[in-house]
Protein backbone atom coordinates (compact mmCIF):
# COMPACT_ATOMS: atom_id res chain seq x y z
CA MET A 1 1.52 -17.32 0.60
CA VAL A 2 -1.82 -15.53 0.83
CA GLU A 3 -4.43 -16.84 -1.59
CA VAL A 4 -5.99 -13.99 -3.57
CA ILE A 5 -9.62 -14.30 -4.77
CA ARG A 6 -10.77 -11.46 -6.99
CA ASP A 7 -14.55 -11.74 -6.83
CA TRP A 8 -17.48 -12.41 -4.51
CA ARG A 9 -19.56 -14.29 -7.13
CA GLY A 10 -19.39 -17.86 -8.16
CA LEU A 11 -17.14 -19.08 -5.35
CA THR A 12 -16.80 -22.68 -4.34
CA ALA A 13 -17.73 -23.99 -0.91
CA ALA A 14 -14.00 -24.25 -0.14
CA GLN A 15 -13.53 -20.55 -0.93
CA LYS A 16 -16.22 -19.50 1.56
CA GLY A 17 -16.69 -19.63 5.29
CA ALA A 18 -13.82 -17.46 6.54
CA ALA A 19 -13.63 -14.91 9.41
CA VAL A 20 -12.82 -11.67 7.66
CA ALA A 21 -11.49 -8.21 8.39
CA VAL A 22 -13.30 -5.79 6.12
CA GLY A 23 -11.95 -2.44 4.88
CA ALA A 24 -9.81 -0.65 2.27
CA PHE A 25 -6.71 -1.35 4.32
CA ASP A 26 -4.56 0.84 2.06
CA GLY A 27 -1.13 0.70 3.62
CA VAL A 28 -1.95 -2.19 6.02
CA HIS A 29 -0.74 0.18 8.78
CA ARG A 30 -0.70 -0.65 12.52
CA GLY A 31 -4.28 0.49 13.00
CA HIS A 32 -5.39 -1.91 10.20
CA GLN A 33 -3.35 -4.70 11.79
CA ALA A 34 -5.43 -4.43 14.99
CA VAL A 35 -8.63 -5.05 12.97
CA ILE A 36 -6.97 -7.99 11.13
CA ALA A 37 -5.80 -9.41 14.48
CA SER A 38 -9.44 -9.33 15.66
CA ALA A 39 -10.42 -11.39 12.52
CA ARG A 40 -7.60 -13.79 13.14
CA GLU A 41 -8.57 -14.35 16.78
CA ALA A 42 -12.17 -15.15 15.68
CA ALA A 43 -10.96 -17.47 12.89
CA ASP A 44 -8.84 -19.43 15.36
CA ARG A 45 -11.69 -19.63 17.87
CA LEU A 46 -14.13 -20.83 15.16
CA GLY A 47 -11.72 -23.09 13.31
CA VAL A 48 -12.14 -21.30 9.96
CA PRO A 49 -9.81 -19.61 7.42
CA ARG A 50 -8.36 -16.08 8.31
CA ALA A 51 -9.15 -13.64 5.60
CA VAL A 52 -9.25 -9.98 4.62
CA VAL A 53 -11.82 -8.30 2.38
CA SER A 54 -10.61 -5.31 0.43
CA PHE A 55 -11.46 -3.59 -2.85
CA ASP A 56 -9.73 -2.95 -6.16
CA PRO A 57 -9.82 -0.32 -7.39
CA HIS A 58 -9.98 1.73 -4.10
CA PRO A 59 -13.55 3.14 -3.77
CA ARG A 60 -12.20 6.72 -3.95
CA ARG A 61 -10.97 6.06 -7.44
CA LEU A 62 -14.59 5.37 -8.62
CA PHE A 63 -16.18 8.24 -6.68
CA GLN A 64 -13.41 10.77 -7.35
CA PRO A 65 -11.86 9.79 -10.68
CA GLU A 66 -10.09 13.12 -11.01
CA ALA A 67 -8.52 12.93 -7.53
CA ALA A 68 -4.77 13.17 -7.29
CA PRO A 69 -2.94 9.82 -7.00
CA PHE A 70 -3.21 8.59 -3.37
CA ARG A 71 -2.57 4.86 -3.06
CA LEU A 72 0.03 3.68 -0.51
CA MET A 73 0.43 0.15 -1.91
CA THR A 74 -0.47 -2.07 -4.88
CA PRO A 75 -2.70 -5.20 -4.46
CA ASP A 76 0.45 -7.38 -4.77
CA GLN A 77 2.08 -5.37 -1.90
CA MET A 78 -1.06 -5.77 0.15
CA ALA A 79 -1.03 -9.55 -0.18
CA ARG A 80 2.64 -9.63 0.83
CA ALA A 81 2.01 -7.33 3.88
CA LEU A 82 -0.79 -9.65 5.06
CA ALA A 83 1.24 -12.84 4.95
CA PRO A 84 3.24 -12.20 8.20
CA LEU A 85 0.01 -11.23 9.88
CA GLY A 86 -1.21 -14.82 9.58
CA VAL A 87 -3.80 -14.12 6.86
CA ASP A 88 -4.69 -17.14 4.65
CA ARG A 89 -6.90 -15.42 2.04
CA LEU A 90 -7.41 -12.00 0.47
CA TYR A 91 -10.73 -11.26 -1.13
CA LEU A 92 -9.88 -8.43 -3.46
CA LEU A 93 -13.33 -7.44 -4.61
CA PRO A 94 -13.98 -5.43 -7.79
CA PHE A 95 -15.33 -2.06 -6.71
CA ASP A 96 -17.52 -1.30 -9.67
CA ALA A 97 -20.83 0.50 -10.43
CA GLU A 98 -22.75 -2.62 -9.23
CA MET A 99 -21.12 -2.62 -5.81
CA ALA A 100 -21.22 1.14 -5.44
CA GLY A 101 -25.05 1.08 -6.03
CA MET A 102 -25.70 -1.53 -3.37
CA SER A 103 -27.57 -0.52 -0.23
CA ASP A 104 -26.00 -1.40 3.10
CA GLU A 105 -28.39 -4.33 3.45
CA GLU A 106 -27.58 -5.64 -0.09
CA PHE A 107 -23.82 -5.50 0.69
CA ALA A 108 -24.18 -7.39 3.87
CA ARG A 109 -26.54 -10.00 2.35
CA ARG A 110 -25.31 -10.43 -1.22
CA VAL A 111 -21.54 -9.84 -0.76
CA LEU A 112 -20.66 -10.87 2.74
CA SER A 113 -23.30 -13.50 3.53
CA GLU A 114 -24.35 -15.12 0.17
CA GLY A 115 -21.15 -14.35 -1.83
CA LEU A 116 -18.38 -14.98 0.68
CA GLY A 117 -20.30 -16.96 3.24
CA ILE A 118 -18.49 -15.31 6.07
CA VAL A 119 -18.94 -16.43 9.67
CA HIS A 120 -17.45 -13.37 11.31
CA ALA A 121 -16.61 -9.75 10.25
CA ALA A 122 -14.00 -7.62 12.07
CA ILE A 123 -14.24 -3.96 11.27
CA GLY A 124 -12.86 -0.67 12.46
CA PHE A 125 -14.84 1.86 14.59
CA ASP A 126 -15.24 4.10 11.56
CA PHE A 127 -16.25 1.48 9.00
CA THR A 128 -19.04 2.46 6.64
CA PHE A 129 -20.61 0.47 3.78
CA GLY A 130 -23.40 0.59 1.22
CA LYS A 131 -24.60 3.38 -1.05
CA GLY A 132 -24.04 6.79 0.46
CA ARG A 133 -21.94 5.13 3.27
CA SER A 134 -25.21 4.53 5.12
CA GLY A 135 -24.03 1.37 6.91
CA SER A 136 -22.46 1.56 10.36
CA PRO A 137 -20.86 -0.98 12.72
CA ALA A 138 -24.05 -1.15 14.69
CA LEU A 139 -26.09 -1.84 11.55
CA LEU A 140 -23.66 -4.52 10.37
CA ARG A 141 -24.08 -6.18 13.80
CA THR A 142 -27.85 -6.15 13.25
CA TYR A 143 -27.54 -7.68 9.76
CA GLY A 144 -25.17 -10.31 11.09
CA GLU A 145 -27.69 -11.46 13.67
CA THR A 146 -30.16 -12.10 10.84
CA LEU A 147 -27.68 -13.46 8.29
CA GLY A 148 -25.73 -15.71 10.63
CA PHE A 149 -22.36 -14.04 11.18
CA THR A 150 -20.86 -12.29 14.22
CA VAL A 151 -19.19 -8.88 14.21
CA SER A 152 -16.31 -7.37 16.25
CA VAL A 153 -15.48 -3.66 16.23
CA THR A 154 -11.95 -2.40 16.90
CA ASP A 155 -11.80 0.94 18.70
CA ARG A 156 -9.47 3.64 17.42
CA ILE A 157 -5.93 2.79 18.31
CA ASP A 158 -3.18 5.38 18.47
CA ASP A 159 0.42 4.90 19.47
CA ALA A 160 1.31 5.39 23.12
CA SER A 161 3.32 8.43 22.06
CA GLY A 162 0.21 10.01 20.49
CA LEU A 163 1.10 9.07 16.90
CA LYS A 164 -2.10 8.91 14.83
CA LEU A 165 -2.40 5.46 13.16
CA SER A 166 -4.29 6.17 9.90
CA SER A 167 -3.71 6.13 6.12
CA SER A 168 -4.14 9.91 5.96
CA ALA A 169 -1.47 10.33 8.67
CA VAL A 170 0.91 8.19 6.56
CA ARG A 171 0.24 10.43 3.58
CA GLU A 172 0.87 13.61 5.63
CA ALA A 173 4.20 12.15 6.80
CA LEU A 174 5.21 11.24 3.24
CA LYS A 175 4.37 14.66 1.90
CA ALA A 176 6.59 16.12 4.61
CA GLY A 177 9.48 13.77 3.82
CA ASP A 178 9.13 12.36 7.31
CA MET A 179 10.01 8.79 6.49
CA ASP A 180 10.57 7.72 10.10
CA ARG A 181 7.09 8.81 11.05
CA ALA A 182 5.56 7.08 7.98
CA ALA A 183 7.38 3.85 8.92
CA ALA A 184 6.29 4.09 12.49
CA ILE A 185 2.72 4.25 11.49
CA LEU A 186 3.02 1.54 8.79
CA GLY A 187 5.21 -0.73 10.91
CA ARG A 188 7.74 -0.91 7.99
CA PRO A 189 9.30 1.56 5.51
CA PHE A 190 7.01 3.00 2.72
CA ALA A 191 7.87 1.21 -0.52
CA ILE A 192 7.13 1.76 -4.17
CA GLN A 193 6.78 -1.24 -6.51
CA GLY A 194 6.98 -0.92 -10.25
CA GLU A 195 8.41 -2.26 -13.49
CA VAL A 196 11.71 -0.87 -14.63
CA ILE A 197 11.24 1.24 -17.77
CA HIS A 198 13.51 2.92 -20.27
CA GLY A 199 14.35 6.52 -19.37
CA ASP A 200 16.52 9.08 -21.19
CA LYS A 201 19.74 7.23 -20.07
CA ARG A 202 21.37 10.52 -19.05
CA GLY A 203 22.60 8.88 -15.87
CA ARG A 204 24.74 6.42 -17.82
CA THR A 205 26.61 9.35 -19.39
CA ILE A 206 27.94 10.32 -15.94
CA GLY A 207 28.45 6.84 -14.58
CA VAL A 208 25.15 6.74 -12.66
CA PRO A 209 22.79 4.17 -14.34
CA THR A 210 19.35 4.25 -12.77
CA ALA A 211 16.40 1.87 -12.58
CA ASN A 212 13.43 4.02 -13.45
CA MET A 213 9.81 3.35 -12.32
CA ALA A 214 6.69 5.36 -13.11
CA MET A 215 4.73 6.52 -10.02
CA GLY A 216 1.31 5.50 -11.33
CA ASP A 217 -1.42 5.74 -8.77
CA TYR A 218 0.95 6.00 -5.80
CA MET A 219 0.60 9.13 -3.76
CA ARG A 220 3.51 11.58 -4.30
CA PRO A 221 5.85 11.77 -1.32
CA ALA A 222 8.08 14.87 -1.02
CA TYR A 223 10.07 15.33 -4.22
CA GLY A 224 13.74 14.92 -3.74
CA VAL A 225 16.54 12.39 -3.02
CA TYR A 226 16.15 9.35 -0.77
CA ALA A 227 18.31 6.60 0.73
CA THR A 228 16.69 3.38 -0.44
CA ARG A 229 16.63 -0.41 -0.21
CA THR A 230 15.45 -2.23 -3.28
CA ARG A 231 14.21 -5.82 -3.42
CA LEU A 232 14.94 -7.58 -6.64
CA PRO A 233 12.69 -10.33 -8.07
CA ASP A 234 15.16 -12.99 -6.84
CA GLY A 235 14.99 -11.65 -3.28
CA ARG A 236 18.21 -9.81 -3.08
CA ILE A 237 18.10 -6.49 -1.19
CA ILE A 238 20.31 -3.69 -2.70
CA ASN A 239 21.12 -0.37 -1.04
CA GLY A 240 20.74 2.72 -3.24
CA VAL A 241 20.04 6.40 -3.61
CA ALA A 242 17.00 7.58 -5.55
CA ASN A 243 15.59 10.78 -7.04
CA LEU A 244 11.75 11.02 -6.85
CA GLY A 245 10.20 13.81 -8.84
CA VAL A 246 10.29 15.64 -12.18
CA ARG A 247 14.00 16.65 -12.16
CA PRO A 248 13.73 20.47 -12.51
CA MET A 249 17.05 20.50 -14.48
CA PHE A 250 15.41 18.35 -17.30
CA GLU A 251 11.75 19.10 -16.65
CA ILE A 252 10.31 15.61 -17.28
CA GLU A 253 6.54 15.59 -17.59
CA GLN A 254 5.60 12.76 -15.29
CA PRO A 255 7.33 12.08 -11.89
CA LEU A 256 9.66 9.11 -11.84
CA LEU A 257 11.38 7.17 -9.13
CA GLU A 258 14.98 6.87 -10.44
CA VAL A 259 17.06 4.50 -8.29
CA TRP A 260 20.82 4.19 -8.44
CA LEU A 261 21.68 0.77 -7.02
CA LEU A 262 24.98 1.09 -5.32
CA ASP A 263 27.73 -1.44 -6.19
CA PHE A 264 25.43 -3.11 -8.71
CA ASN A 265 25.79 -3.49 -12.49
CA GLU A 266 23.05 -5.69 -13.92
CA SER A 267 20.32 -4.92 -16.45
CA LEU A 268 16.86 -4.79 -14.81
CA TYR A 269 14.65 -3.55 -17.70
CA GLY A 270 11.17 -5.14 -17.55
CA GLN A 271 11.69 -6.50 -14.09
CA VAL A 272 9.37 -5.57 -11.13
CA LEU A 273 11.26 -4.09 -8.20
CA GLU A 274 10.10 -2.81 -4.85
CA THR A 275 12.06 0.15 -3.39
CA GLU A 276 11.76 1.23 0.19
CA LEU A 277 12.21 5.01 0.78
CA VAL A 278 14.26 4.72 3.98
CA ALA A 279 15.28 8.36 4.57
CA PHE A 280 14.72 11.78 2.84
CA LEU A 281 18.09 13.30 2.15
CA ARG A 282 17.33 16.59 0.38
CA GLY A 283 14.81 18.29 -1.87
CA GLU A 284 14.98 18.58 -5.67
CA MET A 285 17.54 21.07 -6.93
CA LYS A 286 18.62 22.69 -10.22
CA PHE A 287 22.26 22.42 -11.27
CA GLU A 288 24.42 24.54 -13.54
CA GLY A 289 25.66 21.52 -15.53
CA LEU A 290 26.22 17.79 -15.50
CA GLU A 291 29.54 18.12 -13.60
CA ALA A 292 27.78 19.93 -10.74
CA LEU A 293 25.02 17.31 -10.78
CA LYS A 294 27.64 14.50 -10.69
CA VAL A 295 29.34 16.08 -7.66
CA GLN A 296 25.96 16.30 -5.82
CA ILE A 297 25.04 12.77 -6.74
CA ASP A 298 28.33 11.50 -5.31
CA ALA A 299 27.55 13.40 -2.06
CA ASP A 300 24.06 11.93 -2.00
CA ALA A 301 25.40 8.42 -2.41
CA ALA A 302 27.76 8.97 0.51
CA ALA A 303 24.93 10.27 2.61
CA ALA A 304 22.79 7.27 1.65
CA ARG A 305 25.56 4.76 2.55
CA ALA A 306 25.93 6.52 5.94
CA VAL A 307 22.17 6.22 6.62
CA LEU A 308 21.96 2.64 5.39
CA GLY A 309 25.03 1.40 7.19
């Protein structure tokens, strides 16, 4: 279990003194994992906790409040993704007007050194920090020499096949419905976590009850039908088929993820589920009526079963 600390101010001595990987780490993809591994190696060498420093909300949300939804994971998903990487602690720092206004020197001194008391910072080759993104890896090294922490910089890492390992590359793959490519970059299938909400219950009228989740600040993958695996709060994994989008036949206003859990008949309202989008089966379609829709849903379910084994 990763300990989550949501501030850099007022920490106890026991909460300080880690070797940290610093970055947004949205998606915790394989490129991020290399930076985190560098922090882990330093922590083990120095005999200190292994930690990650990230931000909530994502800095882009503060600087571009009107930007389209873009997140690849929630903070809860980030903490879970860090656990198998050997991370002890996640500093999820509030990215607010105060932090956005700090100079690069202030961020290094007030947040990393005085606030978190770090002994080592692992960063990526393109890491920037401070107001106007004025801080660079070289500058952080200089500050570290003065403030008493070391710095390691991880070069850009791409897959041997030439696959670009970046959050933007994950988003491009998801927009294209290329779930295999997204999973290859992430190191696991892309997953959406959310609370099951009440929908219009049309699915029940045709024998296809769905667990519906709002998309929130998640980026919008290709709209259409997916083969899925859903993790329930009790840890069970249930295969399914899901529609993601606005359902052109009914023209709902906000996109939903509507998951039909196969061979499952329990109420899930109010529960938080995590659904992996394993494979893109087809795009959204309009149907002449409910009977035509039901025929297609049955075909989608058969296709999902074939994909999921």
